[in-house]
Amino acid sequence: MNDITGKRTTLRYAEAEGYVYCKAETIEKVKANTLPKGDLFGVAKAAALLGSKKTSELIPHCHPVPIDSFLVKFEILEEKNAIRIQTEAKSIGKTGIEMEALTGVTVAALVIYDLLKPIDKEIEISAIRLLEKKGGKTDAQISKFASGSNAKILVCSDSCFAGKKEDGSGKIISELLIQEGVDVLEIKIVPDEPKEIQETITNWTKEKIDLVVTTGGTGLGPRDNTTDTIKQMLEQELPGVAEVMRSFGQDRTPFAMLSRSIAGRIGKSLIVSVPGSSNGARESMTAILPAIFHAKKMMRGEGH
């Protein structure tokens, strides 16, 4: 099974369909509800629900997924001598729910096959497929937010500036941004001095950089000046961004609650400060990418 511990919990949606083809006279008996094994759709619906819940036990690499909503629909297509099965599944979790939707369709189709086979030897199950999938980073609606954006990264660290320690967090942030299609224009290292931090951010916001990410200086140490410096500069604070970063991190380490990460706006630039540790930087950026770039659209007055 793939490691999904680094994924965000989001609303997931999947819709699937499949068809069972049979003789015309079989369709008539289904409509008249005169089958030898009784109610077709009631049993098939129950089986679809049970099958969807057992997906992780049937498919080796599937993670157990909480199913928060599962709908099963049947449609008799007389012109095709077919029964169409459709499932819709919702879940709030870390991974998609398309396999559950597909399993529900498949199990329902097998049950319909079983109930019809005493009267029809020409039954065919066909065209089981995924119709739609939403949620997670693959959601096109979310992914497009970062398209065409640029960013600069400011590493606030006395030890990195002095050459005593190699920068890790800045490179990680850059890699994550590039994966989202963001043009990373610069990574700069400065000591954790308020004046140098302020001057750099001021110059970058004048350049109308879309996103400025600072890393380091968000803790409780005597030289952790980044958060206090940035807070004085912000025209608008975005407390929800920092809350999401801390919440995401807290699920993975008990120390995330001690982070003083902050986010906000200066002009048309977004400013986000994340911890200086490699894990802290990675988790914080994972929590907000690519949705943070939706702020660009909002700042332009384009609505939601």
C-alpha atoms as a PDB file:
ATOM      1  CA  MET A   1       0.000   0.000   0.000  1.00  0.00           C
ATOM      2  CA  ASN A   2       1.209   3.485  -0.838  1.00  0.00           C
ATOM      3  CA  ASP A   3       2.077   5.816   2.041  1.00  0.00           C
ATOM      4  CA  ILE A   4      -0.716   8.403   2.309  1.00  0.00           C
ATOM      5  CA  THR A   5       0.298   9.888   5.676  1.00  0.00           C
ATOM      6  CA  GLY A   6       1.448  13.042   3.906  1.00  0.00           C
ATOM      7  CA  LYS A   7      -1.879  13.637   2.155  1.00  0.00           C
ATOM      8  CA  ARG A   8      -4.524  16.108   3.251  1.00  0.00           C
ATOM      9  CA  THR A   9      -7.982  15.108   4.363  1.00  0.00           C
ATOM     10  CA  THR A  10     -10.429  16.439   1.788  1.00  0.00           C
ATOM     11  CA  LEU A  11     -13.906  15.762   0.432  1.00  0.00           C
ATOM     12  CA  ARG A  12     -13.694  12.957  -2.144  1.00  0.00           C
ATOM     13  CA  TYR A  13     -16.353  12.099  -4.711  1.00  0.00           C
ATOM     14  CA  ALA A  14     -16.655   9.367  -7.314  1.00  0.00           C
ATOM     15  CA  GLU A  15     -19.330   8.272  -9.757  1.00  0.00           C
ATOM     16  CA  ALA A  16     -19.316   4.978 -11.675  1.00  0.00           C
ATOM     17  CA  GLU A  17     -21.577   3.011 -13.983  1.00  0.00           C
ATOM     18  CA  GLY A  18     -21.988  -0.410 -15.538  1.00  0.00           C
ATOM     19  CA  TYR A  19     -24.456  -2.361 -17.691  1.00  0.00           C
ATOM     20  CA  VAL A  20     -26.054  -5.788 -17.613  1.00  0.00           C
ATOM     21  CA  TYR A  21     -27.387  -6.890 -21.020  1.00  0.00           C
ATOM     22  CA  CYS A  22     -30.065  -9.591 -21.361  1.00  0.00           C
ATOM     23  CA  LYS A  23     -32.959 -10.760 -23.530  1.00  0.00           C
ATOM     24  CA  ALA A  24     -36.010  -8.608 -24.191  1.00  0.00           C
ATOM     25  CA  GLU A  25     -38.294 -11.088 -22.438  1.00  0.00           C
ATOM     26  CA  THR A  26     -36.017 -10.953 -19.391  1.00  0.00           C
ATOM     27  CA  ILE A  27     -36.421  -7.193 -19.249  1.00  0.00           C
ATOM     28  CA  GLU A  28     -40.206  -7.660 -19.281  1.00  0.00           C
ATOM     29  CA  LYS A  29     -40.021 -10.012 -16.307  1.00  0.00           C
ATOM     30  CA  VAL A  30     -37.809  -7.559 -14.441  1.00  0.00           C
ATOM     31  CA  LYS A  31     -40.394  -4.824 -15.039  1.00  0.00           C
ATOM     32  CA  ALA A  32     -43.198  -7.110 -13.897  1.00  0.00           C
ATOM     33  CA  ASN A  33     -41.177  -8.260 -10.872  1.00  0.00           C
ATOM     34  CA  THR A  34     -41.899 -11.920 -11.643  1.00  0.00           C
ATOM     35  CA  LEU A  35     -38.395 -13.320 -11.248  1.00  0.00           C
ATOM     36  CA  PRO A  36     -37.937 -16.760  -9.651  1.00  0.00           C
ATOM     37  CA  LYS A  37     -35.454 -15.401  -7.095  1.00  0.00           C
ATOM     38  CA  GLY A  38     -37.563 -12.414  -6.072  1.00  0.00           C
ATOM     39  CA  ASP A  39     -36.813  -8.708  -5.836  1.00  0.00           C
ATOM     40  CA  LEU A  40     -33.971  -7.820  -8.210  1.00  0.00           C
ATOM     41  CA  PHE A  41     -33.145  -4.219  -7.416  1.00  0.00           C
ATOM     42  CA  GLY A  42     -33.571  -4.428  -3.651  1.00  0.00           C
ATOM     43  CA  VAL A  43     -31.085  -7.291  -3.368  1.00  0.00           C
ATOM     44  CA  ALA A  44     -28.682  -5.724  -5.894  1.00  0.00           C
ATOM     45  CA  LYS A  45     -28.715  -2.406  -4.018  1.00  0.00           C
ATOM     46  CA  ALA A  46     -27.976  -4.078  -0.691  1.00  0.00           C
ATOM     47  CA  ALA A  47     -25.147  -6.032  -2.328  1.00  0.00           C
ATOM     48  CA  ALA A  48     -23.679  -2.858  -3.828  1.00  0.00           C
ATOM     49  CA  LEU A  49     -23.626  -1.214  -0.406  1.00  0.00           C
ATOM     50  CA  LEU A  50     -22.009  -4.249   1.225  1.00  0.00           C
ATOM     51  CA  GLY A  51     -19.510  -4.650  -1.606  1.00  0.00           C
ATOM     52  CA  SER A  52     -18.395  -1.031  -1.432  1.00  0.00           C
ATOM     53  CA  LYS A  53     -17.688  -1.396   2.291  1.00  0.00           C
ATOM     54  CA  LYS A  54     -15.563  -4.490   1.631  1.00  0.00           C
ATOM     55  CA  THR A  55     -13.441  -2.929  -1.104  1.00  0.00           C
ATOM     56  CA  SER A  56     -10.225  -2.710   0.932  1.00  0.00           C
ATOM     57  CA  GLU A  57     -10.580  -6.396   1.839  1.00  0.00           C
ATOM     58  CA  LEU A  58     -11.008  -7.407  -1.810  1.00  0.00           C
ATOM     59  CA  ILE A  59      -8.463  -5.156  -3.545  1.00  0.00           C
ATOM     60  CA  PRO A  60      -4.994  -5.683  -1.978  1.00  0.00           C
ATOM     61  CA  HIS A  61      -3.590  -2.170  -2.371  1.00  0.00           C
ATOM     62  CA  CYS A  62      -6.751  -0.269  -1.431  1.00  0.00           C
ATOM     63  CA  HIS A  63      -6.743   1.666   1.841  1.00  0.00           C
ATOM     64  CA  PRO A  64      -9.782   1.377   4.118  1.00  0.00           C
ATOM     65  CA  VAL A  65     -11.932   4.415   3.340  1.00  0.00           C
ATOM     66  CA  PRO A  66     -14.756   5.856   5.455  1.00  0.00           C
ATOM     67  CA  ILE A  67     -17.840   5.954   3.219  1.00  0.00           C
ATOM     68  CA  ASP A  68     -19.896   8.970   4.223  1.00  0.00           C
ATOM     69  CA  SER A  69     -22.462   8.675   1.436  1.00  0.00           C
ATOM     70  CA  PHE A  70     -23.233   5.953  -1.105  1.00  0.00           C
ATOM     71  CA  LEU A  71     -26.084   6.018  -3.623  1.00  0.00           C
ATOM     72  CA  VAL A  72     -27.116   3.234  -5.997  1.00  0.00           C
ATOM     73  CA  LYS A  73     -29.407   3.842  -8.979  1.00  0.00           C
ATOM     74  CA  PHE A  74     -30.861   1.429 -11.547  1.00  0.00           C
ATOM     75  CA  GLU A  75     -32.315   2.232 -14.935  1.00  0.00           C
ATOM     76  CA  ILE A  76     -34.030  -0.152 -17.350  1.00  0.00           C
ATOM     77  CA  LEU A  77     -33.044   0.628 -20.955  1.00  0.00           C
ATOM     78  CA  GLU A  78     -35.601  -1.218 -23.066  1.00  0.00           C
ATOM     79  CA  GLU A  79     -34.122  -0.087 -26.381  1.00  0.00           C
ATOM     80  CA  LYS A  80     -30.821  -1.724 -25.426  1.00  0.00           C
ATOM     81  CA  ASN A  81     -32.233  -4.646 -23.452  1.00  0.00           C
ATOM     82  CA  ALA A  82     -30.032  -3.537 -20.597  1.00  0.00           C
ATOM     83  CA  ILE A  83     -30.027  -2.519 -16.962  1.00  0.00           C
ATOM     84  CA  ARG A  84     -27.806   0.445 -16.138  1.00  0.00           C
ATOM     85  CA  ILE A  85     -26.223   0.596 -12.682  1.00  0.00           C
ATOM     86  CA  GLN A  86     -24.891   3.855 -11.318  1.00  0.00           C
ATOM     87  CA  THR A  87     -23.165   4.553  -8.003  1.00  0.00           C
ATOM     88  CA  GLU A  88     -22.185   7.814  -6.338  1.00  0.00           C
ATOM     89  CA  ALA A  89     -19.833   7.803  -3.360  1.00  0.00           C
ATOM     90  CA  LYS A  90     -18.581  10.519  -0.996  1.00  0.00           C
ATOM     91  CA  SER A  91     -15.912  10.420   1.666  1.00  0.00           C
ATOM     92  CA  ILE A  92     -13.867  12.839   3.723  1.00  0.00           C
ATOM     93  CA  GLY A  93     -10.467  11.230   3.745  1.00  0.00           C
ATOM     94  CA  LYS A  94      -6.884  11.126   2.490  1.00  0.00           C
ATOM     95  CA  THR A  95      -7.424   9.016  -0.616  1.00  0.00           C
ATOM     96  CA  GLY A  96      -9.982   8.672  -3.389  1.00  0.00           C
ATOM     97  CA  ILE A  97     -13.197   6.679  -3.253  1.00  0.00           C
ATOM     98  CA  GLU A  98     -13.414   5.630  -6.905  1.00  0.00           C
ATOM     99  CA  MET A  99     -12.601   1.972  -6.157  1.00  0.00           C
ATOM    100  CA  GLU A 100     -15.540   1.804  -3.764  1.00  0.00           C
ATOM    101  CA  ALA A 101     -17.852   3.243  -6.424  1.00  0.00           C
ATOM    102  CA  LEU A 102     -16.569   0.759  -9.010  1.00  0.00           C
ATOM    103  CA  THR A 103     -16.798  -2.173  -6.613  1.00  0.00           C
ATOM    104  CA  GLY A 104     -20.401  -1.263  -5.818  1.00  0.00           C
ATOM    105  CA  VAL A 105     -21.296  -1.318  -9.515  1.00  0.00           C
ATOM    106  CA  THR A 106     -19.467  -4.601 -10.061  1.00  0.00           C
ATOM    107  CA  VAL A 107     -21.076  -6.415  -7.143  1.00  0.00           C
ATOM    108  CA  ALA A 108     -24.538  -5.150  -8.100  1.00  0.00           C
ATOM    109  CA  ALA A 109     -23.970  -6.396 -11.657  1.00  0.00           C
ATOM    110  CA  LEU A 110     -22.917  -9.837 -10.388  1.00  0.00           C
ATOM    111  CA  VAL A 111     -26.009 -10.073  -8.192  1.00  0.00           C
ATOM    112  CA  ILE A 112     -28.240  -9.110 -11.113  1.00  0.00           C
ATOM    113  CA  TYR A 113     -26.478 -11.789 -13.165  1.00  0.00           C
ATOM    114  CA  ASP A 114     -27.113 -14.342 -10.417  1.00  0.00           C
ATOM    115  CA  LEU A 115     -30.797 -13.452 -10.120  1.00  0.00           C
ATOM    116  CA  LEU A 116     -31.399 -13.527 -13.879  1.00  0.00           C
ATOM    117  CA  LYS A 117     -29.372 -16.582 -14.880  1.00  0.00           C
ATOM    118  CA  PRO A 118     -32.199 -19.086 -14.145  1.00  0.00           C
ATOM    119  CA  ILE A 119     -34.226 -17.529 -16.976  1.00  0.00           C
ATOM    120  CA  ASP A 120     -31.523 -16.130 -19.275  1.00  0.00           C
ATOM    121  CA  LYS A 121     -28.331 -17.816 -20.496  1.00  0.00           C
ATOM    122  CA  GLU A 122     -27.174 -14.865 -22.597  1.00  0.00           C
ATOM    123  CA  ILE A 123     -26.520 -12.297 -19.862  1.00  0.00           C
ATOM    124  CA  GLU A 124     -23.530 -10.026 -20.344  1.00  0.00           C
ATOM    125  CA  ILE A 125     -21.883  -7.615 -17.905  1.00  0.00           C
ATOM    126  CA  SER A 126     -20.185  -4.735 -19.739  1.00  0.00           C
ATOM    127  CA  ALA A 127     -18.795  -1.190 -19.729  1.00  0.00           C
ATOM    128  CA  ILE A 128     -18.046  -0.800 -16.020  1.00  0.00           C
ATOM    129  CA  ARG A 129     -16.225   2.505 -15.777  1.00  0.00           C
ATOM    130  CA  LEU A 130     -15.514   5.565 -13.673  1.00  0.00           C
ATOM    131  CA  LEU A 131     -17.569   8.569 -14.757  1.00  0.00           C
ATOM    132  CA  GLU A 132     -16.190  11.251 -12.465  1.00  0.00           C
ATOM    133  CA  LYS A 133     -13.724  11.746  -9.656  1.00  0.00           C
ATOM    134  CA  LYS A 134     -13.243  14.814  -7.473  1.00  0.00           C
ATOM    135  CA  GLY A 135     -11.117  15.696  -4.473  1.00  0.00           C
ATOM    136  CA  GLY A 136      -7.452  15.752  -3.530  1.00  0.00           C
ATOM    137  CA  LYS A 137      -4.630  17.398  -5.436  1.00  0.00           C
ATOM    138  CA  THR A 138      -5.675  15.798  -8.728  1.00  0.00           C
ATOM    139  CA  ASP A 139      -8.881  17.822  -8.746  1.00  0.00           C
ATOM    140  CA  ALA A 140      -8.553  20.062 -11.820  1.00  0.00           C
ATOM    141  CA  GLN A 141     -10.579  22.819 -10.150  1.00  0.00           C
ATOM    142  CA  ILE A 142      -7.977  23.099  -7.391  1.00  0.00           C
ATOM    143  CA  SER A 143      -4.844  22.329  -9.399  1.00  0.00           C
ATOM    144  CA  LYS A 144      -5.400  25.214 -11.825  1.00  0.00           C
ATOM    145  CA  PHE A 145      -5.063  27.808  -9.043  1.00  0.00           C
ATOM    146  CA  ALA A 146      -1.249  27.706  -9.183  1.00  0.00           C
ATOM    147  CA  SER A 147      -1.034  27.918 -12.960  1.00  0.00           C
ATOM    148  CA  GLY A 148       1.019  30.874 -14.188  1.00  0.00           C
ATOM    149  CA  SER A 149       2.156  31.930 -10.703  1.00  0.00           C
ATOM    150  CA  ASN A 150       5.626  32.828  -9.491  1.00  0.00           C
ATOM    151  CA  ALA A 151       7.319  32.734  -6.098  1.00  0.00           C
ATOM    152  CA  LYS A 152      10.432  33.662  -4.178  1.00  0.00           C
ATOM    153  CA  ILE A 153      11.737  31.901  -1.062  1.00  0.00           C
ATOM    154  CA  LEU A 154      13.480  33.570   1.868  1.00  0.00           C
ATOM    155  CA  VAL A 155      15.488  31.347   4.214  1.00  0.00           C
ATOM    156  CA  CYS A 156      15.829  33.099   7.579  1.00  0.00           C
ATOM    157  CA  SER A 157      18.663  31.337   9.365  1.00  0.00           C
ATOM    158  CA  ASP A 158      21.789  32.557  11.111  1.00  0.00           C
ATOM    159  CA  SER A 159      23.541  29.194  10.696  1.00  0.00           C
ATOM    160  CA  CYS A 160      22.702  28.822   6.990  1.00  0.00           C
ATOM    161  CA  PHE A 161      23.766  32.415   6.295  1.00  0.00           C
ATOM    162  CA  ALA A 162      27.081  31.819   8.071  1.00  0.00           C
ATOM    163  CA  GLY A 163      27.661  28.628   6.078  1.00  0.00           C
ATOM    164  CA  LYS A 164      27.577  26.403   9.161  1.00  0.00           C
ATOM    165  CA  LYS A 165      24.489  24.533   7.958  1.00  0.00           C
ATOM    166  CA  GLU A 166      23.160  23.671   4.525  1.00  0.00           C
ATOM    167  CA  ASP A 167      19.712  24.910   3.599  1.00  0.00           C
ATOM    168  CA  GLY A 168      17.192  22.082   3.409  1.00  0.00           C
ATOM    169  CA  SER A 169      13.794  23.694   3.860  1.00  0.00           C
ATOM    170  CA  GLY A 170      14.192  26.261   1.087  1.00  0.00           C
ATOM    171  CA  LYS A 171      15.004  23.552  -1.443  1.00  0.00           C
ATOM    172  CA  ILE A 172      12.046  21.445  -0.305  1.00  0.00           C
ATOM    173  CA  ILE A 173       9.668  24.401  -0.649  1.00  0.00           C
ATOM    174  CA  SER A 174      11.052  25.099  -4.121  1.00  0.00           C
ATOM    175  CA  GLU A 175      10.523  21.481  -5.215  1.00  0.00           C
ATOM    176  CA  LEU A 176       6.925  21.467  -3.964  1.00  0.00           C
ATOM    177  CA  LEU A 177       6.137  24.729  -5.743  1.00  0.00           C
ATOM    178  CA  ILE A 178       7.693  23.559  -9.004  1.00  0.00           C
ATOM    179  CA  GLN A 179       5.575  20.398  -8.821  1.00  0.00           C
ATOM    180  CA  GLU A 180       2.513  22.659  -8.824  1.00  0.00           C
ATOM    181  CA  GLY A 181       3.738  24.509 -11.914  1.00  0.00           C
ATOM    182  CA  VAL A 182       4.923  27.597 -10.014  1.00  0.00           C
ATOM    183  CA  ASP A 183       7.936  29.491 -11.354  1.00  0.00           C
ATOM    184  CA  VAL A 184      10.414  29.783  -8.455  1.00  0.00           C
ATOM    185  CA  LEU A 185      12.456  32.883  -9.279  1.00  0.00           C
ATOM    186  CA  GLU A 186      14.859  32.990  -6.340  1.00  0.00           C
ATOM    187  CA  ILE A 187      15.945  31.372  -3.083  1.00  0.00           C
ATOM    188  CA  LYS A 188      17.722  33.838  -0.814  1.00  0.00           C
ATOM    189  CA  ILE A 189      19.367  33.202   2.564  1.00  0.00           C
ATOM    190  CA  VAL A 190      19.506  35.935   5.206  1.00  0.00           C
ATOM    191  CA  PRO A 191      20.315  35.947   8.933  1.00  0.00           C
ATOM    192  CA  ASP A 192      17.351  36.113  11.287  1.00  0.00           C
ATOM    193  CA  GLU A 193      17.662  39.903  11.486  1.00  0.00           C
ATOM    194  CA  PRO A 194      14.430  41.947  11.314  1.00  0.00           C
ATOM    195  CA  LYS A 195      15.962  44.656   9.112  1.00  0.00           C
ATOM    196  CA  GLU A 196      17.223  42.268   6.423  1.00  0.00           C
ATOM    197  CA  ILE A 197      13.989  40.250   6.441  1.00  0.00           C
ATOM    198  CA  GLN A 198      11.918  43.405   6.128  1.00  0.00           C
ATOM    199  CA  GLU A 199      14.028  44.890   3.330  1.00  0.00           C
ATOM    200  CA  THR A 200      13.947  41.699   1.267  1.00  0.00           C
ATOM    201  CA  ILE A 201      10.187  41.200   1.576  1.00  0.00           C
ATOM    202  CA  THR A 202       9.530  44.874   0.836  1.00  0.00           C
ATOM    203  CA  ASN A 203      11.596  44.696  -2.366  1.00  0.00           C
ATOM    204  CA  TRP A 204       9.927  41.468  -3.484  1.00  0.00           C
ATOM    205  CA  THR A 205       6.399  42.763  -2.903  1.00  0.00           C
ATOM    206  CA  LYS A 206       7.260  45.842  -4.968  1.00  0.00           C
ATOM    207  CA  GLU A 207       8.100  43.401  -7.759  1.00  0.00           C
ATOM    208  CA  LYS A 208       4.527  42.026  -7.312  1.00  0.00           C
ATOM    209  CA  ILE A 209       5.732  38.485  -6.688  1.00  0.00           C
ATOM    210  CA  ASP A 210       2.668  36.255  -6.341  1.00  0.00           C
ATOM    211  CA  LEU A 211       3.926  34.252  -3.357  1.00  0.00           C
ATOM    212  CA  VAL A 212       6.731  34.928  -0.897  1.00  0.00           C
ATOM    213  CA  VAL A 213       7.539  32.010   1.388  1.00  0.00           C
ATOM    214  CA  THR A 214       9.825  32.489   4.360  1.00  0.00           C
ATOM    215  CA  THR A 215      11.237  29.535   6.239  1.00  0.00           C
ATOM    216  CA  GLY A 216      12.740  29.641   9.715  1.00  0.00           C
ATOM    217  CA  GLY A 217      12.310  31.952  12.665  1.00  0.00           C
ATOM    218  CA  THR A 218       8.803  30.768  13.611  1.00  0.00           C
ATOM    219  CA  GLY A 219       9.716  29.160  16.918  1.00  0.00           C
ATOM    220  CA  LEU A 220      10.252  30.442  20.450  1.00  0.00           C
ATOM    221  CA  GLY A 221      14.027  30.924  20.395  1.00  0.00           C
ATOM    222  CA  PRO A 222      15.722  34.245  21.208  1.00  0.00           C
ATOM    223  CA  ARG A 223      16.670  34.671  17.514  1.00  0.00           C
ATOM    224  CA  ASP A 224      13.299  33.667  16.053  1.00  0.00           C
ATOM    225  CA  ASN A 225      12.393  37.086  14.663  1.00  0.00           C
ATOM    226  CA  THR A 226      10.656  36.220  11.395  1.00  0.00           C
ATOM    227  CA  THR A 227       7.062  35.984  12.603  1.00  0.00           C
ATOM    228  CA  ASP A 228       7.146  39.263  14.570  1.00  0.00           C
ATOM    229  CA  THR A 229       8.815  41.074  11.671  1.00  0.00           C
ATOM    230  CA  ILE A 230       6.312  39.895   9.075  1.00  0.00           C
ATOM    231  CA  LYS A 231       3.293  40.523  11.295  1.00  0.00           C
ATOM    232  CA  GLN A 232       4.135  44.239  11.437  1.00  0.00           C
ATOM    233  CA  MET A 233       4.341  44.391   7.640  1.00  0.00           C
ATOM    234  CA  LEU A 234       1.093  42.662   6.695  1.00  0.00           C
ATOM    235  CA  GLU A 235      -1.771  44.694   5.281  1.00  0.00           C
ATOM    236  CA  GLN A 236      -4.149  41.810   5.903  1.00  0.00           C
ATOM    237  CA  GLU A 237      -3.540  38.678   7.937  1.00  0.00           C
ATOM    238  CA  LEU A 238      -4.878  35.300   6.770  1.00  0.00           C
ATOM    239  CA  PRO A 239      -5.239  33.386  10.044  1.00  0.00           C
ATOM    240  CA  GLY A 240      -6.904  30.409   8.364  1.00  0.00           C
ATOM    241  CA  VAL A 241      -3.741  29.590   6.430  1.00  0.00           C
ATOM    242  CA  ALA A 242      -1.644  29.344   9.586  1.00  0.00           C
ATOM    243  CA  GLU A 243      -4.386  27.359  11.327  1.00  0.00           C
ATOM    244  CA  VAL A 244      -4.433  24.792   8.521  1.00  0.00           C
ATOM    245  CA  MET A 245      -0.645  24.424   8.575  1.00  0.00           C
ATOM    246  CA  ARG A 246      -0.572  23.875  12.325  1.00  0.00           C
ATOM    247  CA  SER A 247      -3.537  21.498  12.247  1.00  0.00           C
ATOM    248  CA  PHE A 248      -1.956  19.416   9.476  1.00  0.00           C
ATOM    249  CA  GLY A 249       1.337  19.312  11.348  1.00  0.00           C
ATOM    250  CA  GLN A 250      -0.256  18.514  14.693  1.00  0.00           C
ATOM    251  CA  ASP A 251      -1.639  15.263  13.258  1.00  0.00           C
ATOM    252  CA  ARG A 252       1.952  14.232  12.608  1.00  0.00           C
ATOM    253  CA  THR A 253       3.959  15.696  15.503  1.00  0.00           C
ATOM    254  CA  PRO A 254       2.914  17.054  18.918  1.00  0.00           C
ATOM    255  CA  PHE A 255       5.276  20.006  18.501  1.00  0.00           C
ATOM    256  CA  ALA A 256       3.443  21.668  15.603  1.00  0.00           C
ATOM    257  CA  MET A 257       1.306  23.621  18.070  1.00  0.00           C
ATOM    258  CA  LEU A 258       4.440  25.564  19.071  1.00  0.00           C
ATOM    259  CA  SER A 259       4.931  26.965  15.576  1.00  0.00           C
ATOM    260  CA  ARG A 260       4.217  30.679  15.175  1.00  0.00           C
ATOM    261  CA  SER A 261       3.739  30.452  11.417  1.00  0.00           C
ATOM    262  CA  ILE A 262       1.856  33.367   9.920  1.00  0.00           C
ATOM    263  CA  ALA A 263       0.330  34.297   6.549  1.00  0.00           C
ATOM    264  CA  GLY A 264      -1.130  37.380   4.985  1.00  0.00           C
ATOM    265  CA  ARG A 265      -1.107  39.899   2.163  1.00  0.00           C
ATOM    266  CA  ILE A 266       1.105  42.830   1.231  1.00  0.00           C
ATOM    267  CA  GLY A 267      -0.222  44.554  -1.869  1.00  0.00           C
ATOM    268  CA  LYS A 268      -0.858  41.826  -4.427  1.00  0.00           C
ATOM    269  CA  SER A 269       1.668  39.455  -2.869  1.00  0.00           C
ATOM    270  CA  LEU A 270       0.908  36.574  -0.542  1.00  0.00           C
ATOM    271  CA  ILE A 271       3.312  36.090   2.346  1.00  0.00           C
ATOM    272  CA  VAL A 272       3.556  32.730   4.086  1.00  0.00           C
ATOM    273  CA  SER A 273       6.040  31.877   6.820  1.00  0.00           C
ATOM    274  CA  VAL A 274       6.745  28.226   7.604  1.00  0.00           C
ATOM    275  CA  PRO A 275       9.044  26.444  10.078  1.00  0.00           C
ATOM    276  CA  GLY A 276      12.726  26.030   9.292  1.00  0.00           C
ATOM    277  CA  SER A 277      12.852  22.267   9.766  1.00  0.00           C
ATOM    278  CA  SER A 278      12.630  20.178   6.608  1.00  0.00           C
ATOM    279  CA  ASN A 279       9.598  18.223   7.855  1.00  0.00           C
ATOM    280  CA  GLY A 280       7.879  21.336   9.159  1.00  0.00           C
ATOM    281  CA  ALA A 281       8.358  23.158   5.861  1.00  0.00           C
ATOM    282  CA  ARG A 282       7.191  20.184   3.788  1.00  0.00           C
ATOM    283  CA  GLU A 283       4.096  19.547   5.906  1.00  0.00           C
ATOM    284  CA  SER A 284       3.121  23.215   6.009  1.00  0.00           C
ATOM    285  CA  MET A 285       3.371  23.651   2.254  1.00  0.00           C
ATOM    286  CA  THR A 286       1.584  20.362   1.584  1.00  0.00           C
ATOM    287  CA  ALA A 287      -1.290  21.594   3.748  1.00  0.00           C
ATOM    288  CA  ILE A 288      -1.881  24.740   1.688  1.00  0.00           C
ATOM    289  CA  LEU A 289      -0.828  23.888  -1.877  1.00  0.00           C
ATOM    290  CA  PRO A 290      -2.196  24.569  -4.413  1.00  0.00           C
ATOM    291  CA  ALA A 291      -5.326  26.086  -2.838  1.00  0.00           C
ATOM    292  CA  ILE A 292      -3.378  29.061  -1.407  1.00  0.00           C
ATOM    293  CA  PHE A 293      -3.179  30.475  -4.943  1.00  0.00           C
ATOM    294  CA  HIS A 294      -6.950  30.909  -5.028  1.00  0.00           C
ATOM    295  CA  ALA A 295      -6.187  34.064  -3.038  1.00  0.00           C
ATOM    296  CA  LYS A 296      -4.843  35.610  -6.266  1.00  0.00           C
ATOM    297  CA  LYS A 297      -8.270  35.322  -7.846  1.00  0.00           C
ATOM    298  CA  MET A 298      -9.921  36.782  -4.771  1.00  0.00           C
ATOM    299  CA  MET A 299      -7.510  39.733  -4.625  1.00  0.00           C
ATOM    300  CA  ARG A 300      -8.291  40.516  -8.244  1.00  0.00           C
ATOM    301  CA  GLY A 301     -11.985  40.705  -7.366  1.00  0.00           C
ATOM    302  CA  GLU A 302     -12.865  37.689  -9.492  1.00  0.00           C
ATOM    303  CA  GLY A 303     -14.961  36.041  -6.780  1.00  0.00           C
ATOM    304  CA  HIS A 304     -14.991  32.342  -5.885  1.00  0.00           C
END
